[in-house]
Amino acid sequence: MIKLNLLLIMIAIACAMGVVTSQHKARKLFVDLQQEESLALQMEVEWGQLQLEQSTWAMHSRIEKIASSYLHMQVPDPAKIQVIPLIAQAHGVAP
């Protein structure tokens, strides 16, 4: 009877240790999950900022200003602009 009680106590202690270990792992994983979600949110904010920056750098007015002031380029007269069709389009075939 004493051996059975000792065996049951040992099993209960082992189960308790298993519960404590699994709770600790679950809490650690939850903390890791929160950190990754925070990082994902920061990356989304940074992505939005980068998209805004890219649209700012690629604005037509900015490019035209740089082309005219730094590169001394100018828009050609409309009479000097020629549109050359693609060969496939010239024959009526879609590209």
PDB file of N, CA and C in Angstrom:
ATOM      1  N   MET A   1       0.821  -1.184   0.000  1.00  0.00           N
ATOM      2  CA  MET A   1       0.000   0.000   0.000  1.00  0.00           C
ATOM      3  C   MET A   1       0.878   1.266   0.000  1.00  0.00           C
ATOM      4  N   ILE A   2       1.952   1.234   0.772  1.00  0.00           N
ATOM      5  CA  ILE A   2       2.841   2.383   0.841  1.00  0.00           C
ATOM      6  C   ILE A   2       3.527   2.583  -0.514  1.00  0.00           C
ATOM      7  N   LYS A   3       3.896   1.489  -1.153  1.00  0.00           N
ATOM      8  CA  LYS A   3       4.533   1.593  -2.464  1.00  0.00           C
ATOM      9  C   LYS A   3       3.569   2.197  -3.482  1.00  0.00           C
ATOM     10  N   LEU A   4       2.307   1.832  -3.402  1.00  0.00           N
ATOM     11  CA  LEU A   4       1.300   2.375  -4.313  1.00  0.00           C
ATOM     12  C   LEU A   4       1.123   3.868  -4.072  1.00  0.00           C
ATOM     13  N   ASN A   5       1.069   4.266  -2.803  1.00  0.00           N
ATOM     14  CA  ASN A   5       0.945   5.695  -2.475  1.00  0.00           C
ATOM     15  C   ASN A   5       2.161   6.481  -2.976  1.00  0.00           C
ATOM     16  N   LEU A   6       3.357   5.930  -2.769  1.00  0.00           N
ATOM     17  CA  LEU A   6       4.560   6.600  -3.260  1.00  0.00           C
ATOM     18  C   LEU A   6       4.546   6.714  -4.784  1.00  0.00           C
ATOM     19  N   LEU A   7       4.106   5.659  -5.445  1.00  0.00           N
ATOM     20  CA  LEU A   7       4.020   5.679  -6.901  1.00  0.00           C
ATOM     21  C   LEU A   7       3.028   6.745  -7.374  1.00  0.00           C
ATOM     22  N   LEU A   8       1.883   6.828  -6.727  1.00  0.00           N
ATOM     23  CA  LEU A   8       0.879   7.826  -7.092  1.00  0.00           C
ATOM     24  C   LEU A   8       1.372   9.242  -6.817  1.00  0.00           C
ATOM     25  N   ILE A   9       2.096   9.421  -5.711  1.00  0.00           N
ATOM     26  CA  ILE A   9       2.664  10.744  -5.398  1.00  0.00           C
ATOM     27  C   ILE A   9       3.698  11.126  -6.456  1.00  0.00           C
ATOM     28  N   MET A  10       4.535  10.203  -6.846  1.00  0.00           N
ATOM     29  CA  MET A  10       5.536  10.477  -7.871  1.00  0.00           C
ATOM     30  C   MET A  10       4.865  10.828  -9.208  1.00  0.00           C
ATOM     31  N   ILE A  11       3.817  10.114  -9.555  1.00  0.00           N
ATOM     32  CA  ILE A  11       3.082  10.408 -10.792  1.00  0.00           C
ATOM     33  C   ILE A  11       2.449  11.799 -10.704  1.00  0.00           C
ATOM     34  N   ALA A  12       1.880  12.135  -9.543  1.00  0.00           N
ATOM     35  CA  ALA A  12       1.269  13.456  -9.360  1.00  0.00           C
ATOM     36  C   ALA A  12       2.321  14.557  -9.471  1.00  0.00           C
ATOM     37  N   ILE A  13       3.493  14.336  -8.891  1.00  0.00           N
ATOM     38  CA  ILE A  13       4.569  15.325  -8.976  1.00  0.00           C
ATOM     39  C   ILE A  13       5.030  15.474 -10.425  1.00  0.00           C
ATOM     40  N   ALA A  14       5.171  14.369 -11.132  1.00  0.00           N
ATOM     41  CA  ALA A  14       5.582  14.415 -12.534  1.00  0.00           C
ATOM     42  C   ALA A  14       4.542  15.163 -13.367  1.00  0.00           C
ATOM     43  N   CYS A  15       3.262  14.910 -13.108  1.00  0.00           N
ATOM     44  CA  CYS A  15       2.203  15.624 -13.841  1.00  0.00           C
ATOM     45  C   CYS A  15       2.244  17.113 -13.521  1.00  0.00           C
ATOM     46  N   ALA A  16       2.465  17.463 -12.265  1.00  0.00           N
ATOM     47  CA  ALA A  16       2.540  18.871 -11.875  1.00  0.00           C
ATOM     48  C   ALA A  16       3.726  19.552 -12.561  1.00  0.00           C
ATOM     49  N   MET A  17       4.849  18.871 -12.615  1.00  0.00           N
ATOM     50  CA  MET A  17       6.022  19.426 -13.290  1.00  0.00           C
ATOM     51  C   MET A  17       5.737  19.607 -14.788  1.00  0.00           C
ATOM     52  N   GLY A  18       5.028  18.666 -15.361  1.00  0.00           N
ATOM     53  CA  GLY A  18       4.657  18.778 -16.777  1.00  0.00           C
ATOM     54  C   GLY A  18       3.751  19.966 -17.025  1.00  0.00           C
ATOM     55  N   VAL A  19       2.796  20.193 -16.119  1.00  0.00           N
ATOM     56  CA  VAL A  19       1.889  21.334 -16.259  1.00  0.00           C
ATOM     57  C   VAL A  19       2.668  22.645 -16.143  1.00  0.00           C
ATOM     58  N   VAL A  20       3.555  22.733 -15.160  1.00  0.00           N
ATOM     59  CA  VAL A  20       4.356  23.948 -14.970  1.00  0.00           C
ATOM     60  C   VAL A  20       5.231  24.196 -16.190  1.00  0.00           C
ATOM     61  N   THR A  21       5.850  23.164 -16.691  1.00  0.00           N
ATOM     62  CA  THR A  21       6.722  23.305 -17.871  1.00  0.00           C
ATOM     63  C   THR A  21       5.919  23.754 -19.089  1.00  0.00           C
ATOM     64  N   SER A  22       4.769  23.150 -19.307  1.00  0.00           N
ATOM     65  CA  SER A  22       3.970  23.514 -20.476  1.00  0.00           C
ATOM     66  C   SER A  22       3.414  24.933 -20.349  1.00  0.00           C
ATOM     67  N   GLN A  23       3.043  25.350 -19.141  1.00  0.00           N
ATOM     68  CA  GLN A  23       2.581  26.727 -18.956  1.00  0.00           C
ATOM     69  C   GLN A  23       3.717  27.722 -19.213  1.00  0.00           C
ATOM     70  N   HIS A  24       4.901  27.382 -18.750  1.00  0.00           N
ATOM     71  CA  HIS A  24       6.056  28.255 -18.987  1.00  0.00           C
ATOM     72  C   HIS A  24       6.344  28.380 -20.487  1.00  0.00           C
ATOM     73  N   LYS A  25       6.295  27.263 -21.202  1.00  0.00           N
ATOM     74  CA  LYS A  25       6.524  27.294 -22.648  1.00  0.00           C
ATOM     75  C   LYS A  25       5.442  28.103 -23.359  1.00  0.00           C
ATOM     76  N   ALA A  26       4.194  27.930 -22.906  1.00  0.00           N
ATOM     77  CA  ALA A  26       3.089  28.660 -23.532  1.00  0.00           C
ATOM     78  C   ALA A  26       3.248  30.160 -23.313  1.00  0.00           C
ATOM     79  N   ARG A  27       3.628  30.562 -22.118  1.00  0.00           N
ATOM     80  CA  ARG A  27       3.835  31.989 -21.848  1.00  0.00           C
ATOM     81  C   ARG A  27       4.991  32.543 -22.670  1.00  0.00           C
ATOM     82  N   LYS A  28       6.063  31.767 -22.760  1.00  0.00           N
ATOM     83  CA  LYS A  28       7.214  32.210 -23.548  1.00  0.00           C
ATOM     84  C   LYS A  28       6.827  32.355 -25.020  1.00  0.00           C
ATOM     85  N   LEU A  29       6.071  31.404 -25.547  1.00  0.00           N
ATOM     86  CA  LEU A  29       5.627  31.490 -26.935  1.00  0.00           C
ATOM     87  C   LEU A  29       4.693  32.678 -27.147  1.00  0.00           C
ATOM     88  N   PHE A  30       3.851  32.978 -26.152  1.00  0.00           N
ATOM     89  CA  PHE A  30       2.949  34.116 -26.267  1.00  0.00           C
ATOM     90  C   PHE A  30       3.736  35.423 -26.298  1.00  0.00           C
ATOM     91  N   VAL A  31       4.761  35.532 -25.468  1.00  0.00           N
ATOM     92  CA  VAL A  31       5.618  36.725 -25.476  1.00  0.00           C
ATOM     93  C   VAL A  31       6.315  36.852 -26.825  1.00  0.00           C
ATOM     94  N   ASP A  32       6.819  35.747 -27.353  1.00  0.00           N
ATOM     95  CA  ASP A  32       7.458  35.763 -28.676  1.00  0.00           C
ATOM     96  C   ASP A  32       6.472  36.205 -29.756  1.00  0.00           C
ATOM     97  N   LEU A  33       5.231  35.708 -29.657  1.00  0.00           N
ATOM     98  CA  LEU A  33       4.202  36.081 -30.624  1.00  0.00           C
ATOM     99  C   LEU A  33       3.923  37.579 -30.565  1.00  0.00           C
ATOM    100  N   GLN A  34       3.816  38.128 -29.366  1.00  0.00           N
ATOM    101  CA  GLN A  34       3.575  39.565 -29.232  1.00  0.00           C
ATOM    102  C   GLN A  34       4.732  40.377 -29.812  1.00  0.00           C
ATOM    103  N   GLN A  35       5.956  39.927 -29.599  1.00  0.00           N
ATOM    104  CA  GLN A  35       7.112  40.635 -30.147  1.00  0.00           C
ATOM    105  C   GLN A  35       7.092  40.600 -31.674  1.00  0.00           C
ATOM    106  N   GLU A  36       6.758  39.450 -32.245  1.00  0.00           N
ATOM    107  CA  GLU A  36       6.705  39.333 -33.706  1.00  0.00           C
ATOM    108  C   GLU A  36       5.573  40.176 -34.283  1.00  0.00           C
ATOM    109  N   GLU A  37       4.434  40.240 -33.599  1.00  0.00           N
ATOM    110  CA  GLU A  37       3.335  41.080 -34.072  1.00  0.00           C
ATOM    111  C   GLU A  37       3.732  42.551 -34.018  1.00  0.00           C
ATOM    112  N   SER A  38       4.443  42.948 -32.978  1.00  0.00           N
ATOM    113  CA  SER A  38       4.925  44.320 -32.873  1.00  0.00           C
ATOM    114  C   SER A  38       5.901  44.632 -34.008  1.00  0.00           C
ATOM    115  N   LEU A  39       6.792  43.701 -34.291  1.00  0.00           N
ATOM    116  CA  LEU A  39       7.744  43.873 -35.387  1.00  0.00           C
ATOM    117  C   LEU A  39       7.015  43.969 -36.730  1.00  0.00           C
ATOM    118  N   ALA A  40       5.983  43.138 -36.912  1.00  0.00           N
ATOM    119  CA  ALA A  40       5.209  43.175 -38.157  1.00  0.00           C
ATOM    120  C   ALA A  40       4.516  44.528 -38.315  1.00  0.00           C
ATOM    121  N   LEU A  41       4.003  45.074 -37.220  1.00  0.00           N
ATOM    122  CA  LEU A  41       3.353  46.384 -37.275  1.00  0.00           C
ATOM    123  C   LEU A  41       4.366  47.470 -37.628  1.00  0.00           C
ATOM    124  N   GLN A  42       5.552  47.401 -37.029  1.00  0.00           N
ATOM    125  CA  GLN A  42       6.600  48.370 -37.354  1.00  0.00           C
ATOM    126  C   GLN A  42       6.988  48.271 -38.826  1.00  0.00           C
ATOM    127  N   MET A  43       7.065  47.057 -39.349  1.00  0.00           N
ATOM    128  CA  MET A  43       7.414  46.877 -40.758  1.00  0.00           C
ATOM    129  C   MET A  43       6.322  47.412 -41.672  1.00  0.00           C
ATOM    130  N   GLU A  44       5.061  47.255 -41.289  1.00  0.00           N
ATOM    131  CA  GLU A  44       3.970  47.807 -42.096  1.00  0.00           C
ATOM    132  C   GLU A  44       4.046  49.323 -42.129  1.00  0.00           C
ATOM    133  N   VAL A  45       4.345  49.936 -40.986  1.00  0.00           N
ATOM    134  CA  VAL A  45       4.481  51.388 -40.933  1.00  0.00           C
ATOM    135  C   VAL A  45       5.649  51.833 -41.815  1.00  0.00           C
ATOM    136  N   GLU A  46       6.773  51.126 -41.709  1.00  0.00           N
ATOM    137  CA  GLU A  46       7.935  51.465 -42.524  1.00  0.00           C
ATOM    138  C   GLU A  46       7.635  51.282 -44.012  1.00  0.00           C
ATOM    139  N   TRP A  47       6.889  50.226 -44.368  1.00  0.00           N
ATOM    140  CA  TRP A  47       6.519  49.992 -45.756  1.00  0.00           C
ATOM    141  C   TRP A  47       5.675  51.154 -46.283  1.00  0.00           C
ATOM    142  N   GLY A  48       4.737  51.621 -45.485  1.00  0.00           N
ATOM    143  CA  GLY A  48       3.924  52.762 -45.890  1.00  0.00           C
ATOM    144  C   GLY A  48       4.762  54.008 -46.078  1.00  0.00           C
ATOM    145  N   GLN A  49       5.718  54.225 -45.183  1.00  0.00           N
ATOM    146  CA  GLN A  49       6.598  55.384 -45.311  1.00  0.00           C
ATOM    147  C   GLN A  49       7.463  55.283 -46.566  1.00  0.00           C
ATOM    148  N   LEU A  50       7.950  54.088 -46.854  1.00  0.00           N
ATOM    149  CA  LEU A  50       8.775  53.901 -48.050  1.00  0.00           C
ATOM    150  C   LEU A  50       7.960  54.113 -49.324  1.00  0.00           C
ATOM    151  N   GLN A  51       6.722  53.654 -49.328  1.00  0.00           N
ATOM    152  CA  GLN A  51       5.875  53.875 -50.499  1.00  0.00           C
ATOM    153  C   GLN A  51       5.614  55.368 -50.701  1.00  0.00           C
ATOM    154  N   LEU A  52       5.380  56.079 -49.594  1.00  0.00           N
ATOM    155  CA  LEU A  52       5.164  57.518 -49.685  1.00  0.00           C
ATOM    156  C   LEU A  52       6.426  58.217 -50.192  1.00  0.00           C
ATOM    157  N   GLU A  53       7.566  57.793 -49.676  1.00  0.00           N
ATOM    158  CA  GLU A  53       8.832  58.378 -50.123  1.00  0.00           C
ATOM    159  C   GLU A  53       9.076  58.108 -51.605  1.00  0.00           C
ATOM    160  N   GLN A  54       8.782  56.893 -52.030  1.00  0.00           N
ATOM    161  CA  GLN A  54       8.975  56.555 -53.442  1.00  0.00           C
ATOM    162  C   GLN A  54       8.061  57.393 -54.332  1.00  0.00           C
ATOM    163  N   SER A  55       6.813  57.560 -53.916  1.00  0.00           N
ATOM    164  CA  SER A  55       5.907  58.367 -54.738  1.00  0.00           C
ATOM    165  C   SER A  55       6.356  59.820 -54.776  1.00  0.00           C
ATOM    166  N   THR A  56       6.942  60.299 -53.673  1.00  0.00           N
ATOM    167  CA  THR A  56       7.448  61.671 -53.652  1.00  0.00           C
ATOM    168  C   THR A  56       8.634  61.821 -54.593  1.00  0.00           C
ATOM    169  N   TRP A  57       9.564  60.864 -54.548  1.00  0.00           N
ATOM    170  CA  TRP A  57      10.757  60.952 -55.399  1.00  0.00           C
ATOM    171  C   TRP A  57      10.399  60.803 -56.878  1.00  0.00           C
ATOM    172  N   ALA A  58       9.320  60.098 -57.175  1.00  0.00           N
ATOM    173  CA  ALA A  58       8.978  59.815 -58.572  1.00  0.00           C
ATOM    174  C   ALA A  58       7.927  60.771 -59.132  1.00  0.00           C
ATOM    175  N   MET A  59       7.619  61.848 -58.425  1.00  0.00           N
ATOM    176  CA  MET A  59       6.615  62.799 -58.926  1.00  0.00           C
ATOM    177  C   MET A  59       7.101  63.415 -60.235  1.00  0.00           C
ATOM    178  N   HIS A  60       6.168  63.546 -61.181  1.00  0.00           N
ATOM    179  CA  HIS A  60       6.521  64.080 -62.496  1.00  0.00           C
ATOM    180  C   HIS A  60       7.075  65.499 -62.397  1.00  0.00           C
ATOM    181  N   SER A  61       6.492  66.299 -61.519  1.00  0.00           N
ATOM    182  CA  SER A  61       6.968  67.681 -61.404  1.00  0.00           C
ATOM    183  C   SER A  61       8.405  67.722 -60.891  1.00  0.00           C
ATOM    184  N   ARG A  62       8.742  66.844 -59.967  1.00  0.00           N
ATOM    185  CA  ARG A  62      10.110  66.801 -59.437  1.00  0.00           C
ATOM    186  C   ARG A  62      11.088  66.355 -60.520  1.00  0.00           C
ATOM    187  N   ILE A  63      10.714  65.315 -61.249  1.00  0.00           N
ATOM    188  CA  ILE A  63      11.584  64.811 -62.323  1.00  0.00           C
ATOM    189  C   ILE A  63      11.767  65.866 -63.404  1.00  0.00           C
ATOM    190  N   GLU A  64      10.676  66.560 -63.748  1.00  0.00           N
ATOM    191  CA  GLU A  64      10.771  67.602 -64.773  1.00  0.00           C
ATOM    192  C   GLU A  64      11.659  68.753 -64.293  1.00  0.00           C
ATOM    193  N   LYS A  65      11.545  69.112 -63.011  1.00  0.00           N
ATOM    194  CA  LYS A  65      12.373  70.192 -62.462  1.00  0.00           C
ATOM    195  C   LYS A  65      13.852  69.810 -62.499  1.00  0.00           C
ATOM    196  N   ILE A  66      14.167  68.575 -62.106  1.00  0.00           N
ATOM    197  CA  ILE A  66      15.559  68.121 -62.125  1.00  0.00           C
ATOM    198  C   ILE A  66      16.079  68.061 -63.560  1.00  0.00           C
ATOM    199  N   ALA A  67      15.248  67.558 -64.464  1.00  0.00           N
ATOM    200  CA  ALA A  67      15.682  67.460 -65.864  1.00  0.00           C
ATOM    201  C   ALA A  67      15.967  68.833 -66.457  1.00  0.00           C
ATOM    202  N   SER A  68      15.146  69.805 -66.110  1.00  0.00           N
ATOM    203  CA  SER A  68      15.361  71.135 -66.700  1.00  0.00           C
ATOM    204  C   SER A  68      16.471  71.907 -66.003  1.00  0.00           C
ATOM    205  N   SER A  69      16.554  71.831 -64.675  1.00  0.00           N
ATOM    206  CA  SER A  69      17.545  72.661 -63.978  1.00  0.00           C
ATOM    207  C   SER A  69      18.936  72.032 -63.949  1.00  0.00           C
ATOM    208  N   TYR A  70      19.032  70.745 -63.656  1.00  0.00           N
ATOM    209  CA  TYR A  70      20.351  70.113 -63.525  1.00  0.00           C
ATOM    210  C   TYR A  70      20.881  69.556 -64.837  1.00  0.00           C
ATOM    211  N   LEU A  71      19.992  69.008 -65.650  1.00  0.00           N
ATOM    212  CA  LEU A  71      20.426  68.374 -66.891  1.00  0.00           C
ATOM    213  C   LEU A  71      20.214  69.270 -68.108  1.00  0.00           C
ATOM    214  N   HIS A  72      19.621  70.440 -67.895  1.00  0.00           N
ATOM    215  CA  HIS A  72      19.369  71.410 -68.959  1.00  0.00           C
ATOM    216  C   HIS A  72      18.571  70.786 -70.103  1.00  0.00           C
ATOM    217  N   MET A  73      17.596  69.993 -69.751  1.00  0.00           N
ATOM    218  CA  MET A  73      16.723  69.377 -70.754  1.00  0.00           C
ATOM    219  C   MET A  73      15.465  70.239 -70.892  1.00  0.00           C
ATOM    220  N   GLN A  74      14.803  70.115 -72.023  1.00  0.00           N
ATOM    221  CA  GLN A  74      13.554  70.836 -72.227  1.00  0.00           C
ATOM    222  C   GLN A  74      12.587  69.964 -73.008  1.00  0.00           C
ATOM    223  N   VAL A  75      11.318  70.261 -72.853  1.00  0.00           N
ATOM    224  CA  VAL A  75      10.284  69.498 -73.552  1.00  0.00           C
ATOM    225  C   VAL A  75      10.319  69.903 -75.026  1.00  0.00           C
ATOM    226  N   PRO A  76      10.344  68.940 -75.943  1.00  0.00           N
ATOM    227  CA  PRO A  76      10.396  69.280 -77.377  1.00  0.00           C
ATOM    228  C   PRO A  76       9.062  69.851 -77.859  1.00  0.00           C
ATOM    229  N   ASP A  77       9.119  70.548 -78.960  1.00  0.00           N
ATOM    230  CA  ASP A  77       7.888  71.063 -79.573  1.00  0.00           C
ATOM    231  C   ASP A  77       7.036  69.878 -80.008  1.00  0.00           C
ATOM    232  N   PRO A  78       5.729  70.009 -79.870  1.00  0.00           N
ATOM    233  CA  PRO A  78       4.861  68.900 -80.309  1.00  0.00           C
ATOM    234  C   PRO A  78       5.022  68.550 -81.783  1.00  0.00           C
ATOM    235  N   ALA A  79       5.418  69.524 -82.599  1.00  0.00           N
ATOM    236  CA  ALA A  79       5.599  69.260 -84.031  1.00  0.00           C
ATOM    237  C   ALA A  79       6.807  68.362 -84.279  1.00  0.00           C
ATOM    238  N   LYS A  80       7.741  68.321 -83.325  1.00  0.00           N
ATOM    239  CA  LYS A  80       8.949  67.515 -83.495  1.00  0.00           C
ATOM    240  C   LYS A  80       8.816  66.117 -82.894  1.00  0.00           C
ATOM    241  N   ILE A  81       7.682  65.832 -82.269  1.00  0.00           N
ATOM    242  CA  ILE A  81       7.484  64.521 -81.645  1.00  0.00           C
ATOM    243  C   ILE A  81       6.907  63.564 -82.682  1.00  0.00           C
ATOM    244  N   GLN A  82       7.509  62.399 -82.827  1.00  0.00           N
ATOM    245  CA  GLN A  82       7.030  61.372 -83.748  1.00  0.00           C
ATOM    246  C   GLN A  82       6.682  60.120 -82.951  1.00  0.00           C
ATOM    247  N   VAL A  83       5.546  59.539 -83.247  1.00  0.00           N
ATOM    248  CA  VAL A  83       5.125  58.291 -82.615  1.00  0.00           C
ATOM    249  C   VAL A  83       5.386  57.170 -83.600  1.00  0.00           C
ATOM    250  N   ILE A  84       6.173  56.202 -83.189  1.00  0.00           N
ATOM    251  CA  ILE A  84       6.527  55.082 -84.060  1.00  0.00           C
ATOM    252  C   ILE A  84       5.785  53.852 -83.563  1.00  0.00           C
ATOM    253  N   PRO A  85       4.896  53.297 -84.388  1.00  0.00           N
ATOM    254  CA  PRO A  85       4.137  52.123 -83.939  1.00  0.00           C
ATOM    255  C   PRO A  85       5.021  50.876 -83.904  1.00  0.00           C
ATOM    256  N   LEU A  86       4.648  49.949 -83.044  1.00  0.00           N
ATOM    257  CA  LEU A  86       5.342  48.656 -83.014  1.00  0.00           C
ATOM    258  C   LEU A  86       5.049  47.898 -84.278  1.00  0.00           C
ATOM    259  N   ILE A  87       5.931  47.013 -84.691  1.00  0.00           N
ATOM    260  CA  ILE A  87       5.751  46.238 -85.917  1.00  0.00           C
ATOM    261  C   ILE A  87       4.493  45.386 -85.839  1.00  0.00           C
ATOM    262  N   ALA A  88       4.269  44.755 -84.681  1.00  0.00           N
ATOM    263  CA  ALA A  88       3.095  43.894 -84.521  1.00  0.00           C
ATOM    264  C   ALA A  88       1.818  44.726 -84.633  1.00  0.00           C
ATOM    265  N   GLN A  89       1.826  45.934 -84.098  1.00  0.00           N
ATOM    266  CA  GLN A  89       0.637  46.784 -84.173  1.00  0.00           C
ATOM    267  C   GLN A  89       0.440  47.314 -85.592  1.00  0.00           C
ATOM    268  N   ALA A  90       1.521  47.541 -86.314  1.00  0.00           N
ATOM    269  CA  ALA A  90       1.420  48.054 -87.682  1.00  0.00           C
ATOM    270  C   ALA A  90       0.719  47.050 -88.588  1.00  0.00           C
ATOM    271  N   HIS A  91       0.840  45.769 -88.293  1.00  0.00           N
ATOM    272  CA  HIS A  91       0.214  44.717 -89.108  1.00  0.00           C
ATOM    273  C   HIS A  91      -1.130  44.290 -88.550  1.00  0.00           C
ATOM    274  N   GLY A  92      -1.590  44.976 -87.501  1.00  0.00           N
ATOM    275  CA  GLY A  92      -2.897  44.656 -86.943  1.00  0.00           C
ATOM    276  C   GLY A  92      -2.894  43.465 -86.011  1.00  0.00           C
ATOM    277  N   VAL A  93      -1.723  43.033 -85.567  1.00  0.00           N
ATOM    278  CA  VAL A  93      -1.611  41.901 -84.653  1.00  0.00           C
ATOM    279  C   VAL A  93      -1.361  42.435 -83.259  1.00  0.00           C
ATOM    280  N   ALA A  94      -2.084  41.928 -82.305  1.00  0.00           N
ATOM    281  CA  ALA A  94      -1.891  42.386 -80.918  1.00  0.00           C
ATOM    282  C   ALA A  94      -0.572  41.826 -80.381  1.00  0.00           C
ATOM    283  N   PRO A  95       0.124  42.621 -79.565  1.00  0.00           N
ATOM    284  CA  PRO A  95       1.416  42.154 -79.034  1.00  0.00           C
ATOM    285  C   PRO A  95       1.261  41.025 -78.043  1.00  0.00           C
TER     286      PRO A  95
END
